[in-house]
N, C-alpha and C. Protein backbone atom coordinates (compact mmCIF):
# COMPACT_ATOMS: atom_id res chain seq x y z
N UNK A 1 56.91 41.40 192.04
CA UNK A 1 57.42 41.37 193.65
C UNK A 1 56.63 41.62 194.51
N UNK A 2 56.52 40.89 195.05
CA UNK A 2 55.08 40.81 196.24
C UNK A 2 55.68 41.77 197.10
N UNK A 3 55.14 42.58 198.59
CA UNK A 3 54.87 43.70 199.31
C UNK A 3 55.94 42.66 200.48
N UNK A 4 55.64 41.19 200.16
CA UNK A 4 56.67 40.91 201.62
C UNK A 4 57.70 40.33 201.04
N UNK A 5 58.08 39.88 199.64
CA UNK A 5 59.60 40.34 199.61
C UNK A 5 60.28 41.58 199.33
N UNK A 6 59.57 42.35 199.18
CA UNK A 6 60.44 43.35 198.77
C UNK A 6 61.07 44.20 200.16
N UNK A 7 62.54 44.57 199.94
CA UNK A 7 62.63 45.36 201.31
C UNK A 7 63.46 46.43 200.69
N UNK A 8 63.25 47.69 201.69
CA UNK A 8 63.91 48.97 201.31
C UNK A 8 64.22 49.63 202.94
N UNK A 9 65.33 50.30 202.93
CA UNK A 9 65.44 50.68 203.77
C UNK A 9 66.16 51.93 203.73
N UNK A 10 65.91 53.04 204.53
CA UNK A 10 66.63 54.34 204.77
C UNK A 10 67.57 54.19 205.61
N UNK A 11 68.52 55.37 205.66
CA UNK A 11 69.38 55.63 206.52
C UNK A 11 69.21 57.27 206.26
N UNK A 12 68.91 58.31 207.10
CA UNK A 12 69.54 59.98 206.83
C UNK A 12 70.90 60.42 206.99
N UNK A 13 71.40 61.40 206.26
CA UNK A 13 72.81 62.06 206.74
C UNK A 13 72.59 62.91 206.99
N UNK A 14 73.11 64.14 207.58
CA UNK A 14 73.14 64.77 207.39
C UNK A 14 74.91 65.64 206.64
N UNK A 15 75.11 66.54 205.83
CA UNK A 15 76.68 66.81 205.37
C UNK A 15 76.91 68.10 204.96
N UNK A 16 78.02 68.72 205.74
CA UNK A 16 78.08 70.51 206.53
C UNK A 16 78.65 71.38 204.94
N UNK A 17 78.83 72.20 204.89
CA UNK A 17 79.60 72.48 203.93
C UNK A 17 81.22 72.08 203.83
N UNK A 18 81.56 71.79 204.76
CA UNK A 18 83.09 71.14 204.26
C UNK A 18 82.49 69.79 204.14
N UNK A 19 81.78 69.43 204.09
CA UNK A 19 81.51 67.89 202.96
C UNK A 19 81.96 66.72 204.61
N UNK A 20 81.92 68.09 205.67
CA UNK A 20 81.33 66.71 206.76
C UNK A 20 80.16 65.79 207.10
N UNK A 21 80.07 64.42 207.23
CA UNK A 21 78.75 63.69 206.94
C UNK A 21 79.02 62.97 208.31
N UNK A 22 77.32 63.16 208.92
CA UNK A 22 76.60 62.59 209.76
C UNK A 22 75.85 61.80 209.98
N UNK A 23 75.75 60.46 210.66
CA UNK A 23 73.94 59.56 210.45
C UNK A 23 73.20 60.63 211.39
N UNK A 24 71.93 61.41 210.72
CA UNK A 24 70.92 61.92 211.72
C UNK A 24 70.04 60.80 212.17
N UNK A 25 69.87 59.65 211.57
CA UNK A 25 69.14 58.70 211.39
C UNK A 25 69.32 57.44 211.10
N UNK A 26 69.94 56.30 212.21
CA UNK A 26 70.23 55.29 211.32
C UNK A 26 69.33 54.07 210.90
N UNK A 27 69.93 53.16 210.28
CA UNK A 27 68.83 52.47 209.20
C UNK A 27 67.82 52.26 209.69
N UNK A 28 66.76 52.08 209.08
CA UNK A 28 65.84 51.82 209.73
C UNK A 28 64.74 50.90 208.66
N UNK A 29 64.25 49.95 208.66
CA UNK A 29 63.53 48.99 207.79
C UNK A 29 62.38 49.29 206.98
N UNK A 30 61.81 49.92 205.97
CA UNK A 30 61.03 49.87 205.84
C UNK A 30 59.54 49.40 205.07
N UNK A 31 58.12 49.15 205.35
CA UNK A 31 57.36 48.64 204.43
C UNK A 31 56.92 48.99 203.53
N UNK A 32 56.36 48.50 202.20
CA UNK A 32 55.70 49.05 201.42
C UNK A 32 54.99 49.16 201.46
N UNK A 33 53.61 49.93 200.58
CA UNK A 33 52.75 50.65 200.05
C UNK A 33 52.05 49.57 199.75
N UNK A 34 50.57 48.69 199.66
CA UNK A 34 50.49 47.65 198.62
C UNK A 34 49.55 48.85 197.50
N UNK A 35 49.29 50.38 198.16
CA UNK A 35 48.75 50.37 196.44
C UNK A 35 49.37 52.29 197.10
N UNK A 36 49.72 52.56 196.38
CA UNK A 36 50.23 54.15 196.89
C UNK A 36 48.84 55.13 197.10
N UNK A 37 48.63 56.43 197.92
CA UNK A 37 47.82 56.89 197.81
C UNK A 37 47.18 57.94 196.60
N UNK A 38 46.58 58.18 196.76
CA UNK A 38 46.24 59.39 195.24
C UNK A 38 47.04 60.10 195.46
N UNK A 39 47.56 61.24 196.68
CA UNK A 39 48.02 62.43 196.54
C UNK A 39 49.59 62.15 197.16
N UNK A 40 49.37 60.88 196.61
CA UNK A 40 51.42 60.36 196.45
C UNK A 40 51.94 60.49 194.98
N UNK A 41 50.55 60.08 193.63
CA UNK A 41 50.96 59.59 192.64
C UNK A 41 51.26 60.90 191.56
N UNK A 42 51.96 60.64 190.63
CA UNK A 42 51.99 61.32 189.40
C UNK A 42 50.62 62.34 189.22
N UNK A 43 50.50 64.01 188.52
CA UNK A 43 49.55 63.69 187.80
C UNK A 43 49.89 63.13 186.33
N UNK A 44 48.34 63.28 185.18
CA UNK A 44 48.92 62.48 184.49
C UNK A 44 49.46 63.58 183.74
N UNK A 45 49.91 63.24 182.80
CA UNK A 45 50.83 64.19 181.66
C UNK A 45 49.99 64.58 180.88
N UNK A 46 50.47 65.88 180.30
CA UNK A 46 49.41 66.99 179.82
C UNK A 46 49.94 67.44 178.29
N UNK A 47 50.79 66.35 177.96
CA UNK A 47 51.30 66.54 176.77
C UNK A 47 50.30 66.40 175.32
N UNK A 48 50.17 66.70 174.11
CA UNK A 48 49.48 66.58 173.47
C UNK A 48 49.35 64.29 172.97
N UNK A 49 50.51 64.45 172.69
CA UNK A 49 50.03 62.43 172.55
C UNK A 49 49.74 62.03 173.65
N UNK A 50 49.70 62.31 174.68
CA UNK A 50 49.02 61.88 175.66
C UNK A 50 48.36 61.76 176.04
N UNK A 51 47.30 62.87 175.91
CA UNK A 51 46.45 63.48 176.37
C UNK A 51 45.26 62.86 174.91
N UNK A 52 45.81 62.78 173.73
CA UNK A 52 44.97 61.92 172.73
C UNK A 52 44.90 60.86 173.22
N UNK A 53 45.90 60.20 173.63
CA UNK A 53 45.53 58.31 174.10
C UNK A 53 44.23 58.47 175.33
N UNK A 54 44.55 58.82 175.89
CA UNK A 54 43.33 59.19 176.57
C UNK A 54 41.64 59.54 176.66
N UNK A 55 41.35 60.06 175.19
CA UNK A 55 40.32 60.69 175.54
C UNK A 55 39.11 58.58 174.49
C-alpha cells in the first residue's frame, strides 16, 4: 500500500473515572510518513538468537 492510498484518522477521547467519555479532538486526517525517523524505530532485539543472526 503506497502512502497516497494509505489513510489514517485519529480522534482523541477523555474518559473520567465514572466512565463518561467526551471527545477532546474531533477526527483528524493523518498523512503517513514514507520512512519513520530513526528516533521512532524500535531498538534491535537483544536476545541471543537474534544477536547471532546479525553477525
